[in-house]
Amino acid sequence: MFKFLKNVTREMQKVSWPNGRELTRYTITVLATVAFITIFFTVVDQGITLGLRLFE
């Protein structure tokens, strides 16, 4: 168990962590992507719902 934790610590030191500017850019990219996907699927869902109501 201790060997595993020692190896984890060693590997974590090799990780390239993003700086503040990169982190901000990545966060904005993720939020914009989530917003786009949300809007896209909302429009598709409304279109399908409207199409189904026309066939009733």
PDB file of N, CA and C in Angstrom:
ATOM      1  N   MET A   1       0.833  -1.199   0.000  1.00  0.00           N
ATOM      2  CA  MET A   1       0.000   0.000   0.000  1.00  0.00           C
ATOM      3  C   MET A   1       0.874   1.257   0.000  1.00  0.00           C
ATOM      4  N   PHE A   2       1.920   1.262   0.829  1.00  0.00           N
ATOM      5  CA  PHE A   2       2.789   2.435   0.892  1.00  0.00           C
ATOM      6  C   PHE A   2       3.563   2.628  -0.404  1.00  0.00           C
ATOM      7  N   LYS A   3       3.944   1.533  -1.040  1.00  0.00           N
ATOM      8  CA  LYS A   3       4.647   1.628  -2.319  1.00  0.00           C
ATOM      9  C   LYS A   3       3.730   2.252  -3.370  1.00  0.00           C
ATOM     10  N   PHE A   4       2.481   1.847  -3.359  1.00  0.00           N
ATOM     11  CA  PHE A   4       1.506   2.405  -4.297  1.00  0.00           C
ATOM     12  C   PHE A   4       1.365   3.914  -4.099  1.00  0.00           C
ATOM     13  N   LEU A   5       1.202   4.344  -2.854  1.00  0.00           N
ATOM     14  CA  LEU A   5       1.045   5.776  -2.570  1.00  0.00           C
ATOM     15  C   LEU A   5       2.305   6.551  -2.938  1.00  0.00           C
ATOM     16  N   LYS A   6       3.456   5.954  -2.731  1.00  0.00           N
ATOM     17  CA  LYS A   6       4.717   6.593  -3.104  1.00  0.00           C
ATOM     18  C   LYS A   6       4.780   6.766  -4.621  1.00  0.00           C
ATOM     19  N   ASN A   7       4.348   5.739  -5.363  1.00  0.00           N
ATOM     20  CA  ASN A   7       4.324   5.828  -6.821  1.00  0.00           C
ATOM     21  C   ASN A   7       3.315   6.870  -7.303  1.00  0.00           C
ATOM     22  N   VAL A   8       2.182   6.949  -6.632  1.00  0.00           N
ATOM     23  CA  VAL A   8       1.175   7.952  -6.986  1.00  0.00           C
ATOM     24  C   VAL A   8       1.751   9.344  -6.783  1.00  0.00           C
ATOM     25  N   THR A   9       2.422   9.561  -5.669  1.00  0.00           N
ATOM     26  CA  THR A   9       3.034  10.858  -5.390  1.00  0.00           C
ATOM     27  C   THR A   9       4.064  11.206  -6.450  1.00  0.00           C
ATOM     28  N   ARG A  10       4.866  10.249  -6.832  1.00  0.00           N
ATOM     29  CA  ARG A  10       5.894  10.472  -7.852  1.00  0.00           C
ATOM     30  C   ARG A  10       5.257  10.844  -9.189  1.00  0.00           C
ATOM     31  N   GLU A  11       4.188  10.139  -9.553  1.00  0.00           N
ATOM     32  CA  GLU A  11       3.517  10.426 -10.825  1.00  0.00           C
ATOM     33  C   GLU A  11       2.812  11.781 -10.798  1.00  0.00           C
ATOM     34  N   MET A  12       2.241  12.153  -9.668  1.00  0.00           N
ATOM     35  CA  MET A  12       1.561  13.441  -9.556  1.00  0.00           C
ATOM     36  C   MET A  12       2.540  14.603  -9.723  1.00  0.00           C
ATOM     37  N   GLN A  13       3.782  14.408  -9.348  1.00  0.00           N
ATOM     38  CA  GLN A  13       4.799  15.443  -9.517  1.00  0.00           C
ATOM     39  C   GLN A  13       5.155  15.633 -10.995  1.00  0.00           C
ATOM     40  N   LYS A  14       4.905  14.640 -11.821  1.00  0.00           N
ATOM     41  CA  LYS A  14       5.192  14.719 -13.248  1.00  0.00           C
ATOM     42  C   LYS A  14       4.082  15.401 -14.033  1.00  0.00           C
ATOM     43  N   VAL A  15       2.935  15.570 -13.401  1.00  0.00           N
ATOM     44  CA  VAL A  15       1.776  16.144 -14.084  1.00  0.00           C
ATOM     45  C   VAL A  15       2.036  17.611 -14.401  1.00  0.00           C
ATOM     46  N   SER A  16       1.650  18.009 -15.599  1.00  0.00           N
ATOM     47  CA  SER A  16       1.756  19.406 -16.005  1.00  0.00           C
ATOM     48  C   SER A  16       0.420  20.087 -15.686  1.00  0.00           C
ATOM     49  N   TRP A  17       0.382  20.842 -14.610  1.00  0.00           N
ATOM     50  CA  TRP A  17      -0.848  21.495 -14.183  1.00  0.00           C
ATOM     51  C   TRP A  17      -1.036  22.794 -14.949  1.00  0.00           C
ATOM     52  N   PRO A  18      -2.277  23.129 -15.327  1.00  0.00           N
ATOM     53  CA  PRO A  18      -2.507  24.373 -16.069  1.00  0.00           C
ATOM     54  C   PRO A  18      -2.329  25.593 -15.168  1.00  0.00           C
ATOM     55  N   ASN A  19      -1.852  26.686 -15.782  1.00  0.00           N
ATOM     56  CA  ASN A  19      -1.758  27.924 -15.001  1.00  0.00           C
ATOM     57  C   ASN A  19      -3.136  28.591 -14.998  1.00  0.00           C
ATOM     58  N   GLY A  20      -3.240  29.720 -14.346  1.00  0.00           N
ATOM     59  CA  GLY A  20      -4.538  30.384 -14.189  1.00  0.00           C
ATOM     60  C   GLY A  20      -5.180  30.770 -15.507  1.00  0.00           C
ATOM     61  N   ARG A  21      -4.367  31.262 -16.448  1.00  0.00           N
ATOM     62  CA  ARG A  21      -4.907  31.690 -17.738  1.00  0.00           C
ATOM     63  C   ARG A  21      -5.434  30.490 -18.531  1.00  0.00           C
ATOM     64  N   GLU A  22      -4.682  29.404 -18.542  1.00  0.00           N
ATOM     65  CA  GLU A  22      -5.124  28.192 -19.244  1.00  0.00           C
ATOM     66  C   GLU A  22      -6.395  27.641 -18.607  1.00  0.00           C
ATOM     67  N   LEU A  23      -6.424  27.628 -17.287  1.00  0.00           N
ATOM     68  CA  LEU A  23      -7.592  27.109 -16.576  1.00  0.00           C
ATOM     69  C   LEU A  23      -8.841  27.911 -16.914  1.00  0.00           C
ATOM     70  N   THR A  24      -8.693  29.231 -16.977  1.00  0.00           N
ATOM     71  CA  THR A  24      -9.822  30.085 -17.339  1.00  0.00           C
ATOM     72  C   THR A  24     -10.287  29.778 -18.761  1.00  0.00           C
ATOM     73  N   ARG A  25      -9.343  29.638 -19.692  1.00  0.00           N
ATOM     74  CA  ARG A  25      -9.696  29.352 -21.088  1.00  0.00           C
ATOM     75  C   ARG A  25     -10.388  27.996 -21.204  1.00  0.00           C
ATOM     76  N   TYR A  26      -9.869  27.002 -20.501  1.00  0.00           N
ATOM     77  CA  TYR A  26     -10.478  25.667 -20.541  1.00  0.00           C
ATOM     78  C   TYR A  26     -11.883  25.697 -19.952  1.00  0.00           C
ATOM     79  N   THR A  27     -12.062  26.432 -18.870  1.00  0.00           N
ATOM     80  CA  THR A  27     -13.372  26.519 -18.223  1.00  0.00           C
ATOM     81  C   THR A  27     -14.385  27.179 -19.147  1.00  0.00           C
ATOM     82  N   ILE A  28     -13.980  28.269 -19.805  1.00  0.00           N
ATOM     83  CA  ILE A  28     -14.879  28.953 -20.744  1.00  0.00           C
ATOM     84  C   ILE A  28     -15.229  28.036 -21.906  1.00  0.00           C
ATOM     85  N   THR A  29     -14.252  27.286 -22.395  1.00  0.00           N
ATOM     86  CA  THR A  29     -14.508  26.353 -23.498  1.00  0.00           C
ATOM     87  C   THR A  29     -15.521  25.293 -23.092  1.00  0.00           C
ATOM     88  N   VAL A  30     -15.369  24.739 -21.913  1.00  0.00           N
ATOM     89  CA  VAL A  30     -16.299  23.710 -21.439  1.00  0.00           C
ATOM     90  C   VAL A  30     -17.698  24.291 -21.268  1.00  0.00           C
ATOM     91  N   LEU A  31     -17.805  25.448 -20.658  1.00  0.00           N
ATOM     92  CA  LEU A  31     -19.119  26.059 -20.437  1.00  0.00           C
ATOM     93  C   LEU A  31     -19.797  26.417 -21.758  1.00  0.00           C
ATOM     94  N   ALA A  32     -19.029  26.928 -22.714  1.00  0.00           N
ATOM     95  CA  ALA A  32     -19.601  27.260 -24.017  1.00  0.00           C
ATOM     96  C   ALA A  32     -20.073  26.002 -24.737  1.00  0.00           C
ATOM     97  N   THR A  33     -19.303  24.926 -24.640  1.00  0.00           N
ATOM     98  CA  THR A  33     -19.691  23.665 -25.273  1.00  0.00           C
ATOM     99  C   THR A  33     -20.965  23.113 -24.650  1.00  0.00           C
ATOM    100  N   VAL A  34     -21.049  23.145 -23.340  1.00  0.00           N
ATOM    101  CA  VAL A  34     -22.242  22.654 -22.647  1.00  0.00           C
ATOM    102  C   VAL A  34     -23.455  23.499 -23.021  1.00  0.00           C
ATOM    103  N   ALA A  35     -23.285  24.818 -23.089  1.00  0.00           N
ATOM    104  CA  ALA A  35     -24.395  25.698 -23.468  1.00  0.00           C
ATOM    105  C   ALA A  35     -24.851  25.396 -24.893  1.00  0.00           C
ATOM    106  N   PHE A  36     -23.900  25.226 -25.825  1.00  0.00           N
ATOM    107  CA  PHE A  36     -24.250  24.931 -27.212  1.00  0.00           C
ATOM    108  C   PHE A  36     -25.010  23.611 -27.311  1.00  0.00           C
ATOM    109  N   ILE A  37     -24.515  22.572 -26.638  1.00  0.00           N
ATOM    110  CA  ILE A  37     -25.175  21.262 -26.694  1.00  0.00           C
ATOM    111  C   ILE A  37     -26.568  21.340 -26.077  1.00  0.00           C
ATOM    112  N   THR A  38     -26.703  22.088 -24.985  1.00  0.00           N
ATOM    113  CA  THR A  38     -28.009  22.244 -24.344  1.00  0.00           C
ATOM    114  C   THR A  38     -29.001  22.920 -25.290  1.00  0.00           C
ATOM    115  N   ILE A  39     -28.577  23.998 -25.917  1.00  0.00           N
ATOM    116  CA  ILE A  39     -29.451  24.709 -26.853  1.00  0.00           C
ATOM    117  C   ILE A  39     -29.783  23.825 -28.052  1.00  0.00           C
ATOM    118  N   PHE A  40     -28.792  23.128 -28.586  1.00  0.00           N
ATOM    119  CA  PHE A  40     -29.003  22.257 -29.737  1.00  0.00           C
ATOM    120  C   PHE A  40     -30.058  21.203 -29.440  1.00  0.00           C
ATOM    121  N   PHE A  41     -29.888  20.477 -28.331  1.00  0.00           N
ATOM    122  CA  PHE A  41     -30.836  19.409 -28.024  1.00  0.00           C
ATOM    123  C   PHE A  41     -32.201  19.943 -27.626  1.00  0.00           C
ATOM    124  N   THR A  42     -32.264  21.137 -27.066  1.00  0.00           N
ATOM    125  CA  THR A  42     -33.564  21.745 -26.768  1.00  0.00           C
ATOM    126  C   THR A  42     -34.309  22.048 -28.064  1.00  0.00           C
ATOM    127  N   VAL A  43     -33.605  22.608 -29.048  1.00  0.00           N
ATOM    128  CA  VAL A  43     -34.225  22.906 -30.338  1.00  0.00           C
ATOM    129  C   VAL A  43     -34.656  21.618 -31.037  1.00  0.00           C
ATOM    130  N   VAL A  44     -33.804  20.603 -31.025  1.00  0.00           N
ATOM    131  CA  VAL A  44     -34.156  19.321 -31.652  1.00  0.00           C
ATOM    132  C   VAL A  44     -35.374  18.718 -30.949  1.00  0.00           C
ATOM    133  N   ASP A  45     -35.397  18.747 -29.635  1.00  0.00           N
ATOM    134  CA  ASP A  45     -36.525  18.190 -28.876  1.00  0.00           C
ATOM    135  C   ASP A  45     -37.814  18.934 -29.206  1.00  0.00           C
ATOM    136  N   GLN A  46     -37.743  20.249 -29.259  1.00  0.00           N
ATOM    137  CA  GLN A  46     -38.942  21.028 -29.589  1.00  0.00           C
ATOM    138  C   GLN A  46     -39.398  20.733 -31.009  1.00  0.00           C
ATOM    139  N   GLY A  47     -38.463  20.561 -31.926  1.00  0.00           N
ATOM    140  CA  GLY A  47     -38.816  20.231 -33.307  1.00  0.00           C
ATOM    141  C   GLY A  47     -39.500  18.871 -33.404  1.00  0.00           C
ATOM    142  N   ILE A  48     -38.981  17.888 -32.691  1.00  0.00           N
ATOM    143  CA  ILE A  48     -39.604  16.556 -32.692  1.00  0.00           C
ATOM    144  C   ILE A  48     -40.995  16.619 -32.072  1.00  0.00           C
ATOM    145  N   THR A  49     -41.121  17.354 -30.968  1.00  0.00           N
ATOM    146  CA  THR A  49     -42.418  17.485 -30.308  1.00  0.00           C
ATOM    147  C   THR A  49     -43.431  18.154 -31.235  1.00  0.00           C
ATOM    148  N   LEU A  50     -43.008  19.216 -31.902  1.00  0.00           N
ATOM    149  CA  LEU A  50     -43.893  19.897 -32.840  1.00  0.00           C
ATOM    150  C   LEU A  50     -44.276  18.967 -33.988  1.00  0.00           C
ATOM    151  N   GLY A  51     -43.317  18.220 -34.503  1.00  0.00           N
ATOM    152  CA  GLY A  51     -43.604  17.283 -35.595  1.00  0.00           C
ATOM    153  C   GLY A  51     -44.583  16.217 -35.190  1.00  0.00           C
ATOM    154  N   LEU A  52     -44.442  15.681 -33.989  1.00  0.00           N
ATOM    155  CA  LEU A  52     -45.373  14.656 -33.500  1.00  0.00           C
ATOM    156  C   LEU A  52     -46.767  15.227 -33.280  1.00  0.00           C
ATOM    157  N   ARG A  53     -46.855  16.459 -32.834  1.00  0.00           N
ATOM    158  CA  ARG A  53     -48.177  17.059 -32.612  1.00  0.00           C
ATOM    159  C   ARG A  53     -48.906  17.315 -33.915  1.00  0.00           C
ATOM    160  N   LEU A  54     -48.152  17.537 -34.993  1.00  0.00           N
ATOM    161  CA  LEU A  54     -48.795  17.767 -36.289  1.00  0.00           C
ATOM    162  C   LEU A  54     -49.445  16.503 -36.825  1.00  0.00           C
ATOM    163  N   PHE A  55     -48.958  15.335 -36.417  1.00  0.00           N
ATOM    164  CA  PHE A  55     -49.489  14.063 -36.897  1.00  0.00           C
ATOM    165  C   PHE A  55     -50.604  13.515 -36.001  1.00  0.00           C
ATOM    166  N   GLU A  56     -50.980  14.228 -34.965  1.00  0.00           N
ATOM    167  CA  GLU A  56     -52.050  13.746 -34.082  1.00  0.00           C
ATOM    168  C   GLU A  56     -53.404  13.907 -34.703  1.00  0.00           C
TER     169      GLU A  56
END
